[in-house]
N, C-alpha and C. Protein backbone atom coordinates (compact mmCIF):
# COMPACT_ATOMS: atom_id res chain seq x y z
N UNK A 1 5.91 19.99 -5.14
CA UNK A 1 6.58 21.31 -5.04
C UNK A 1 5.35 22.34 -3.36
N UNK A 2 5.83 22.66 -2.66
CA UNK A 2 5.59 23.37 -1.78
C UNK A 2 5.35 25.07 -1.59
N UNK A 3 4.32 25.43 -0.58
CA UNK A 3 4.47 26.98 -1.05
C UNK A 3 5.44 28.05 -0.78
N UNK A 4 6.14 27.80 -0.29
CA UNK A 4 7.53 28.07 0.14
C UNK A 4 8.40 27.91 -0.87
N UNK A 5 8.70 27.04 -2.07
CA UNK A 5 9.40 26.68 -2.72
C UNK A 5 8.40 27.76 -4.21
N UNK A 6 7.49 27.46 -3.94
CA UNK A 6 6.98 28.43 -5.43
C UNK A 6 7.16 30.04 -5.32
N UNK A 7 7.00 30.26 -3.90
CA UNK A 7 7.11 31.64 -3.84
C UNK A 7 8.99 31.90 -4.07
N UNK A 8 9.51 30.87 -3.68
CA UNK A 8 11.36 31.37 -4.18
C UNK A 8 11.23 31.49 -5.32
N UNK A 9 11.04 30.74 -6.53
CA UNK A 9 10.88 30.94 -7.65
C UNK A 9 10.23 32.04 -8.33
N UNK A 10 9.06 32.44 -7.92
CA UNK A 10 8.74 33.27 -8.33
C UNK A 10 9.44 35.07 -7.91
N UNK A 11 10.10 34.72 -6.91
CA UNK A 11 10.92 36.46 -6.31
C UNK A 11 11.88 36.39 -7.82
N UNK A 12 12.19 35.19 -7.98
CA UNK A 12 13.35 35.86 -9.26
C UNK A 12 12.62 35.64 -10.74
N UNK A 13 11.53 35.71 -11.13
CA UNK A 13 10.72 35.56 -12.05
C UNK A 13 10.31 36.66 -12.90
N UNK A 14 10.37 36.89 -13.88
CA UNK A 14 9.79 38.32 -14.66
C UNK A 14 8.44 37.74 -15.10
N UNK A 15 8.41 36.68 -15.15
CA UNK A 15 6.88 36.06 -15.96
C UNK A 15 6.41 35.10 -15.32
N UNK A 16 5.18 34.53 -15.27
CA UNK A 16 4.91 32.77 -14.82
C UNK A 16 4.44 32.31 -16.17
N UNK A 17 5.14 30.73 -16.31
CA UNK A 17 4.13 29.96 -17.21
C UNK A 17 4.39 28.85 -16.45
N UNK A 18 2.90 27.92 -16.82
CA UNK A 18 2.69 27.06 -16.49
C UNK A 18 2.77 26.11 -17.45
N UNK A 19 3.35 25.17 -17.87
CA UNK A 19 3.50 23.73 -18.92
C UNK A 19 2.67 22.73 -18.63
N UNK A 20 2.26 22.21 -19.57
CA UNK A 20 0.74 21.07 -19.46
C UNK A 20 2.02 19.77 -19.44
N UNK A 21 1.91 18.66 -19.13
CA UNK A 21 2.20 17.29 -19.76
C UNK A 21 2.75 16.95 -20.89
N UNK A 22 1.67 17.28 -21.86
CA UNK A 22 1.97 17.44 -23.13
C UNK A 22 2.83 17.88 -23.98
N UNK A 23 3.70 19.03 -22.64
CA UNK A 23 4.38 19.94 -23.31
C UNK A 23 4.07 21.48 -23.80
N UNK A 24 2.58 21.30 -23.72
CA UNK A 24 1.84 22.83 -24.26
C UNK A 24 1.80 23.73 -23.02
N UNK A 25 1.92 25.05 -23.07
CA UNK A 25 1.88 26.11 -22.01
C UNK A 25 0.55 26.59 -21.76
N UNK A 26 -0.09 26.43 -20.77
CA UNK A 26 -1.10 27.27 -20.50
C UNK A 26 -1.19 28.32 -20.91
N UNK A 27 -2.08 29.24 -21.82
CA UNK A 27 -2.14 30.44 -22.21
C UNK A 27 -1.87 30.91 -21.43
N UNK A 28 -0.89 33.04 -21.76
CA UNK A 28 -0.42 33.44 -20.59
C UNK A 28 -1.19 34.44 -20.28
N UNK A 29 -2.74 34.46 -20.53
CA UNK A 29 -3.58 34.48 -19.77
C UNK A 29 -4.53 34.58 -18.88
N UNK A 30 -4.15 33.57 -18.76
CA UNK A 30 -4.68 32.70 -16.98
C UNK A 30 -4.80 33.08 -16.12
N UNK A 31 -5.64 33.24 -15.11
CA UNK A 31 -5.96 33.63 -14.01
C UNK A 31 -5.75 32.34 -12.98
N UNK A 32 -5.19 33.12 -11.78
CA UNK A 32 -5.24 31.93 -10.81
C UNK A 32 -6.61 32.58 -10.11
N UNK A 33 -8.02 31.51 -9.84
CA UNK A 33 -8.82 31.82 -9.67
C UNK A 33 -9.23 31.66 -8.09
N UNK A 34 -8.89 30.75 -7.50
CA UNK A 34 -8.61 30.42 -6.15
C UNK A 34 -6.94 29.55 -5.71
N UNK A 35 -6.99 30.12 -4.26
CA UNK A 35 -5.54 29.56 -3.48
C UNK A 35 -6.34 29.12 -2.48
N UNK A 36 -6.66 27.34 -2.32
CA UNK A 36 -7.50 27.44 -0.87
C UNK A 36 -6.66 26.15 -0.27
N UNK A 37 -7.08 25.71 0.86
CA UNK A 37 -6.72 24.64 1.71
C UNK A 37 -7.31 23.39 1.41
N UNK A 38 -7.30 22.53 0.84
CA UNK A 38 -7.89 21.14 0.80
C UNK A 38 -7.79 20.48 1.65
N UNK A 39 -8.23 19.60 2.58
CA UNK A 39 -8.26 18.53 3.50
C UNK A 39 -8.97 17.51 3.35
N UNK A 40 -8.36 16.44 2.95
CA UNK A 40 -9.33 15.04 2.63
C UNK A 40 -9.24 13.81 3.60
N UNK A 41 -10.20 13.44 3.92
CA UNK A 41 -10.49 12.86 5.17
C UNK A 41 -10.84 11.76 4.95
N UNK A 42 -9.63 10.77 4.53
CA UNK A 42 -10.89 9.29 3.89
C UNK A 42 -10.42 8.12 5.18
N UNK A 43 -11.17 7.16 4.60
CA UNK A 43 -10.47 5.46 4.95
C UNK A 43 -9.79 4.93 3.77
N UNK A 44 -8.60 4.26 3.87
CA UNK A 44 -8.30 3.49 2.89
C UNK A 44 -8.90 2.12 2.46
N UNK A 45 -8.78 1.32 1.66
CA UNK A 45 -9.03 0.08 1.49
C UNK A 45 -8.89 -1.10 2.32
N UNK A 46 -7.93 -0.87 3.20
CA UNK A 46 -7.77 -1.85 4.25
C UNK A 46 -8.61 -1.07 5.79
N UNK A 47 -9.20 -0.15 5.72
CA UNK A 47 -9.63 0.52 6.82
C UNK A 47 -9.29 1.40 7.35
N UNK A 48 -8.10 2.07 7.27
CA UNK A 48 -7.05 2.91 8.21
C UNK A 48 -7.43 4.22 7.65
N UNK A 49 -7.94 5.11 8.73
CA UNK A 49 -8.52 6.64 8.39
C UNK A 49 -7.02 7.02 7.89
N UNK A 50 -7.22 7.96 6.85
CA UNK A 50 -6.04 8.84 6.69
C UNK A 50 -6.53 10.33 6.30
N UNK A 51 -5.30 11.19 6.31
CA UNK A 51 -5.65 12.28 6.26
C UNK A 51 -4.51 13.05 5.43
N UNK A 52 -4.92 13.66 4.11
CA UNK A 52 -4.28 14.48 3.21
C UNK A 52 -4.67 16.27 3.22
N UNK A 53 -3.31 17.02 2.92
CA UNK A 53 -3.97 18.54 3.00
C UNK A 53 -2.78 18.93 2.21
N UNK A 54 -3.51 19.77 1.46
CA UNK A 54 -2.95 20.87 -0.21
C UNK A 54 -3.45 22.01 0.11
N UNK A 55 -2.69 22.58 -0.65
CA UNK A 55 -3.19 23.92 -0.90
C UNK A 55 -2.99 23.74 -2.77
N UNK A 56 -4.51 24.30 -2.60
CA UNK A 56 -4.90 24.15 -3.98
C UNK A 56 -4.95 25.19 -5.01
N UNK A 57 -4.38 25.07 -6.29
CA UNK A 57 -4.76 26.64 -6.75
C UNK A 57 -5.35 26.01 -7.95
N UNK A 58 -6.00 26.90 -8.53
CA UNK A 58 -7.28 26.95 -9.62
C UNK A 58 -6.66 27.95 -10.89
N UNK A 59 -6.14 26.99 -12.03
CA UNK A 59 -5.79 28.36 -13.11
C UNK A 59 -7.12 28.15 -13.94
N UNK A 60 -7.63 29.31 -14.42
CA UNK A 60 -7.95 29.80 -15.67
C UNK A 60 -7.94 30.15 -16.56
N UNK A 61 -8.56 30.29 -17.87
CA UNK A 61 -8.42 31.31 -19.03
C UNK A 61 -9.97 31.73 -19.70
N UNK A 62 -9.91 32.84 -19.77
CA UNK A 62 -11.01 33.37 -20.62
C UNK A 62 -10.64 34.09 -21.63
N UNK A 63 -11.08 34.68 -22.41
CA UNK A 63 -10.95 35.84 -23.46
C UNK A 63 -10.44 36.72 -22.98
N UNK A 64 -9.79 36.61 -21.64
CA UNK A 64 -9.25 38.31 -21.62
C UNK A 64 -7.55 38.43 -21.73
N UNK A 65 -7.46 38.61 -22.69
CA UNK A 65 -6.02 38.74 -23.40
C UNK A 65 -5.32 39.50 -23.08
N UNK A 66 -5.49 40.29 -22.73
CA UNK A 66 -4.61 41.83 -21.77
C UNK A 66 -4.13 41.47 -20.48
N UNK A 67 -5.01 40.16 -20.17
CA UNK A 67 -4.36 40.21 -18.30
C UNK A 67 -3.13 39.24 -18.33
N UNK A 68 -2.39 39.78 -17.68
CA UNK A 68 -1.03 38.58 -17.09
C UNK A 68 -1.36 38.51 -16.02
N UNK A 69 -0.66 37.50 -15.07
CA UNK A 69 -0.36 37.60 -13.87
C UNK A 69 0.96 38.00 -13.74
N UNK A 70 1.38 38.72 -12.68
CA UNK A 70 2.71 39.08 -12.73
C UNK A 70 3.07 37.96 -11.42
N UNK A 71 4.69 37.72 -11.44
CA UNK A 71 5.18 37.04 -10.04
C UNK A 71 4.30 37.47 -8.76
N UNK A 72 4.89 39.05 -8.59
CA UNK A 72 4.52 39.80 -7.23
C UNK A 72 3.10 39.36 -6.67
N UNK A 73 2.73 39.21 -7.74
CA UNK A 73 1.26 39.42 -7.46
C UNK A 73 0.63 38.30 -6.86
N UNK A 74 1.23 37.29 -7.77
CA UNK A 74 0.94 35.71 -7.21
C UNK A 74 1.48 35.54 -5.47
N UNK A 75 2.59 36.08 -5.40
CA UNK A 75 3.41 35.82 -4.24
C UNK A 75 2.37 36.51 -3.17
N UNK A 76 1.93 37.73 -3.44
CA UNK A 76 0.93 38.40 -2.48
C UNK A 76 -0.71 37.43 -2.09
N UNK A 77 -0.70 36.79 -3.42
CA UNK A 77 -2.29 36.22 -3.38
C UNK A 77 -1.53 35.03 -2.12
N UNK A 78 -0.60 34.11 -2.66
CA UNK A 78 -0.18 33.18 -1.81
C UNK A 78 0.06 33.52 -0.12
N UNK A 79 0.94 34.50 0.17
CA UNK A 79 0.76 35.25 1.28
C UNK A 79 -0.44 35.39 1.86
N UNK A 80 -1.52 36.14 1.31
CA UNK A 80 -2.68 36.27 1.98
C UNK A 80 -3.71 34.97 2.16
N UNK A 81 -3.57 34.01 1.25
CA UNK A 81 -4.21 32.79 1.40
C UNK A 81 -3.44 31.93 2.74
N UNK A 82 -2.11 31.85 2.87
CA UNK A 82 -1.52 31.17 4.10
C UNK A 82 -2.47 32.25 5.44
N UNK A 83 -2.14 33.29 5.43
CA UNK A 83 -2.37 33.97 6.79
C UNK A 83 -4.29 34.13 6.65
N UNK A 84 -5.11 33.83 5.82
CA UNK A 84 -6.01 34.47 6.13
C UNK A 84 -6.51 32.64 6.44
N UNK A 85 -5.76 31.77 6.02
CA UNK A 85 -6.33 30.18 5.97
C UNK A 85 -5.81 29.67 6.87
N UNK A 86 -4.55 30.43 7.31
CA UNK A 86 -3.94 29.61 8.30
C UNK A 86 -3.07 28.18 7.78
N UNK A 87 -2.86 28.69 6.60
CA UNK A 87 -1.70 27.26 5.76
C UNK A 87 -0.50 27.47 6.23
N UNK A 88 0.13 26.10 6.31
CA UNK A 88 1.64 26.33 6.34
C UNK A 88 2.23 26.43 5.45
N UNK A 89 3.30 25.56 5.64
CA UNK A 89 4.02 25.20 4.00
C UNK A 89 3.64 23.63 3.26
N UNK A 90 2.26 24.05 3.01
CA UNK A 90 1.41 22.73 2.32
C UNK A 90 2.23 22.85 0.64
N UNK A 91 2.07 20.86 0.58
CA UNK A 91 2.45 20.69 -1.14
C UNK A 91 1.15 21.75 -2.21
N UNK A 92 1.19 21.87 -3.04
CA UNK A 92 0.55 22.11 -3.81
C UNK A 92 0.20 21.62 -4.88
N UNK A 93 -1.68 21.15 -4.90
CA UNK A 93 -2.16 20.50 -6.03
C UNK A 93 -2.53 21.83 -7.06
N UNK A 94 -2.69 21.81 -8.67
CA UNK A 94 -3.23 22.48 -9.17
C UNK A 94 -4.10 21.77 -9.95
N UNK A 95 -5.21 22.87 -9.98
CA UNK A 95 -6.30 22.51 -10.66
C UNK A 95 -6.27 22.96 -12.50
N UNK A 96 -6.67 22.45 -13.41
CA UNK A 96 -6.38 23.33 -14.80
C UNK A 96 -7.54 22.75 -15.58
N UNK A 97 -8.23 22.99 -16.41
CA UNK A 97 -9.51 22.61 -17.11
C UNK A 97 -8.88 22.59 -18.65
N UNK A 98 -9.25 21.40 -18.79
CA UNK A 98 -8.61 21.00 -20.12
C UNK A 98 -9.82 20.95 -21.10
N UNK A 99 -9.83 19.41 -21.38
CA UNK A 99 -11.38 18.47 -21.86
C UNK A 99 -11.94 18.12 -20.41
N UNK A 100 -11.84 18.14 -19.34
CA UNK A 100 -12.31 17.72 -17.89
C UNK A 100 -11.62 18.69 -17.15
N UNK A 101 -12.15 18.87 -16.10
CA UNK A 101 -10.79 19.49 -14.94
C UNK A 101 -9.71 18.32 -14.37
N UNK A 102 -8.85 18.90 -14.63
CA UNK A 102 -7.53 17.72 -14.20
C UNK A 102 -6.50 18.36 -12.87
N UNK A 103 -6.51 17.49 -11.66
CA UNK A 103 -5.70 18.09 -10.82
C UNK A 103 -3.77 17.64 -11.14
N UNK A 104 -3.34 18.01 -10.78
CA UNK A 104 -1.59 18.13 -11.14
C UNK A 104 -1.07 18.11 -9.52
N UNK A 105 0.05 17.50 -9.78
CA UNK A 105 1.20 18.02 -8.85
C UNK A 105 1.91 19.26 -9.74
N UNK A 106 3.13 19.88 -8.67
CA UNK A 106 4.00 20.96 -9.51
C UNK A 106 5.24 20.60 -9.02
N UNK A 107 6.01 21.36 -10.24
CA UNK A 107 7.45 21.54 -10.42
C UNK A 107 8.19 22.54 -11.27
N UNK A 108 9.26 22.52 -11.28
CA UNK A 108 9.85 23.87 -12.08
C UNK A 108 11.30 23.50 -12.87
N UNK A 109 11.21 23.75 -13.97
CA UNK A 109 12.64 23.01 -14.75
C UNK A 109 13.30 24.30 -14.90
N UNK A 110 13.13 25.66 -14.40
CA UNK A 110 14.41 26.48 -13.79
C UNK A 110 13.58 27.65 -14.77
N UNK A 111 12.72 27.09 -15.45
CA UNK A 111 12.05 28.37 -16.74
C UNK A 111 10.38 28.35 -16.41
N UNK A 112 9.77 27.14 -16.73
CA UNK A 112 8.34 26.86 -16.45
C UNK A 112 7.93 26.22 -15.27
N UNK A 113 6.54 26.63 -14.77
CA UNK A 113 6.49 25.78 -13.37
C UNK A 113 6.02 24.45 -14.70
N UNK A 114 5.75 23.55 -14.09
CA UNK A 114 5.60 22.33 -14.93
C UNK A 114 4.25 21.19 -14.38
N UNK A 115 2.99 21.16 -14.99
CA UNK A 115 1.86 20.40 -14.32
C UNK A 115 2.01 19.16 -14.60
N UNK A 116 2.34 18.13 -13.39
CA UNK A 116 2.87 17.21 -13.58
C UNK A 116 1.58 16.16 -13.12
N UNK A 117 1.51 15.05 -14.23
CA UNK A 117 0.33 13.85 -13.92
C UNK A 117 0.46 13.17 -12.21
N UNK A 118 -0.53 12.89 -11.87
CA UNK A 118 -0.89 12.11 -10.26
C UNK A 118 -1.22 10.97 -11.07
N UNK A 119 -1.00 10.22 -9.50
CA UNK A 119 -1.22 8.88 -10.07
C UNK A 119 -2.04 8.16 -8.77
N UNK A 120 -3.05 7.33 -9.00
CA UNK A 120 -3.87 6.64 -7.57
C UNK A 120 -3.08 5.38 -7.16
N UNK A 121 -2.95 5.27 -5.88
CA UNK A 121 -2.17 4.13 -5.42
C UNK A 121 -3.09 3.60 -4.21
N UNK A 122 -3.11 1.91 -4.45
CA UNK A 122 -3.22 1.58 -2.86
C UNK A 122 -2.49 1.94 -1.59
N UNK A 123 -3.25 2.46 -0.69
CA UNK A 123 -2.27 3.18 0.45
C UNK A 123 -2.25 1.48 1.40
N UNK A 124 -3.08 0.47 1.17
CA UNK A 124 -3.14 -1.09 1.87
C UNK A 124 -2.54 -2.32 1.23
N UNK A 125 -1.44 -2.20 0.51
CA UNK A 125 -1.55 -3.41 -0.01
C UNK A 125 -1.26 -4.56 1.10
N UNK A 126 -0.51 -3.96 2.04
CA UNK A 126 -0.63 -5.73 2.68
C UNK A 126 -1.65 -6.00 3.18
N UNK A 127 -2.87 -5.08 2.99
CA UNK A 127 -4.24 -5.67 3.84
C UNK A 127 -5.17 -5.95 2.81
N UNK A 128 -4.70 -5.50 1.46
CA UNK A 128 -5.85 -6.43 1.00
C UNK A 128 -5.66 -7.20 -0.18
N UNK A 129 -4.21 -7.65 0.16
CA UNK A 129 -3.78 -8.55 -0.78
C UNK A 129 -2.66 -8.61 -1.98
N UNK A 130 -2.53 -6.94 -2.33
CA UNK A 130 -2.17 -6.58 -3.48
C UNK A 130 -0.56 -7.22 -3.25
N UNK A 131 0.49 -8.00 -4.01
CA UNK A 131 1.29 -8.28 -3.55
C UNK A 131 2.09 -6.95 -3.50
N UNK A 132 2.87 -6.69 -2.53
CA UNK A 132 4.33 -5.70 -2.36
C UNK A 132 5.55 -6.07 -3.09
N UNK A 133 5.94 -4.79 -3.98
CA UNK A 133 7.49 -5.50 -4.56
C UNK A 133 8.10 -5.03 -3.45
N UNK A 134 9.49 -5.91 -3.89
CA UNK A 134 10.31 -6.14 -2.98
C UNK A 134 11.69 -5.74 -3.44
N UNK A 135 12.25 -4.94 -2.83
CA UNK A 135 13.82 -3.91 -3.15
C UNK A 135 14.72 -5.23 -3.72
N UNK A 136 15.07 -5.26 -4.99
CA UNK A 136 16.22 -5.70 -5.22
C UNK A 136 17.46 -5.10 -4.51
N UNK A 137 18.45 -6.21 -3.81
CA UNK A 137 19.51 -6.48 -3.58
C UNK A 137 20.41 -7.14 -4.11
N UNK A 138 22.04 -6.35 -4.72
CA UNK A 138 22.69 -7.27 -4.88
C UNK A 138 23.85 -7.67 -3.64
N UNK A 139 23.83 -8.65 -3.34
CA UNK A 139 24.33 -9.22 -2.63
C UNK A 139 25.92 -9.24 -2.77
N UNK A 140 26.14 -9.36 -3.74
CA UNK A 140 28.04 -8.99 -3.65
C UNK A 140 28.37 -7.64 -3.56
N UNK A 141 27.34 -6.78 -2.97
CA UNK A 141 27.99 -5.45 -2.87
C UNK A 141 28.10 -5.54 -1.04
N UNK A 142 26.93 -6.42 -0.72
CA UNK A 142 27.04 -6.95 0.92
C UNK A 142 27.91 -7.45 1.52
N UNK A 143 28.49 -8.55 0.59
CA UNK A 143 29.87 -8.55 1.05
C UNK A 143 31.00 -8.04 1.02
N UNK A 144 31.43 -7.07 0.20
CA UNK A 144 32.52 -6.60 -0.21
C UNK A 144 32.05 -5.70 0.68
N UNK A 145 31.36 -5.03 1.80
CA UNK A 145 31.15 -3.82 2.87
C UNK A 145 31.41 -4.99 4.36
N UNK A 146 31.54 -6.37 4.26
CA UNK A 146 31.55 -7.17 5.03
C UNK A 146 30.19 -6.57 6.25
N UNK A 147 29.07 -6.29 5.66
CA UNK A 147 27.82 -6.27 6.47
C UNK A 147 26.89 -7.36 6.72
N UNK A 148 27.53 -8.14 5.47
CA UNK A 148 26.71 -9.80 6.23
C UNK A 148 28.19 -10.72 6.41
N UNK A 149 28.24 -10.99 7.49
CA UNK A 149 29.62 -11.70 7.98
C UNK A 149 29.29 -13.09 8.75
N UNK A 150 29.70 -14.38 8.78
CA UNK A 150 28.97 -15.24 9.45
C UNK A 150 28.80 -14.55 10.67
N UNK A 151 27.82 -15.28 11.61
CA UNK A 151 27.68 -15.05 13.11
C UNK A 151 27.15 -13.62 12.87
N UNK A 152 26.95 -12.51 12.09
CA UNK A 152 26.59 -11.53 11.76
C UNK A 152 25.02 -11.14 11.97
N UNK A 153 24.23 -12.34 11.62
CA UNK A 153 22.94 -12.25 12.18
C UNK A 153 22.27 -11.59 10.99
N UNK A 154 22.53 -11.71 9.59
CA UNK A 154 22.20 -10.89 8.61
C UNK A 154 21.53 -12.08 7.90
N UNK A 155 21.76 -13.33 8.14
CA UNK A 155 21.39 -14.20 7.03
C UNK A 155 20.40 -15.45 7.86
């Protein structure tokens, strides 16, 4: 989810709720303690330089049970962050502390914002010998669509 997408969801929302991957909700008295731009500049295992940039939201909760972040307030925080930090329409990463600090992607199910699990991956499989999975192709469909004909150069 990008900053533009979250603002679109918040415009129509009466409340904000974040659901963890295990189905539990982040307590409703959470705070968004940070909205920032995080740039990761790195070299992958194949030696290629890469850069990733995300808008980072940090969710935090404390014993402030009377606190509720309203959708319009979060829109204002996002817009101020975009202006002050000169952020474009970046993808969002969410930090939330359970047993340890977790980093999550963000999605929406029509009612709640969903904290989605993130996975690591090798970005240079061809360089470090990891076999690349080949896409399965149904060749019977190719013949039916005449995309592979004798002399067509596809074989």
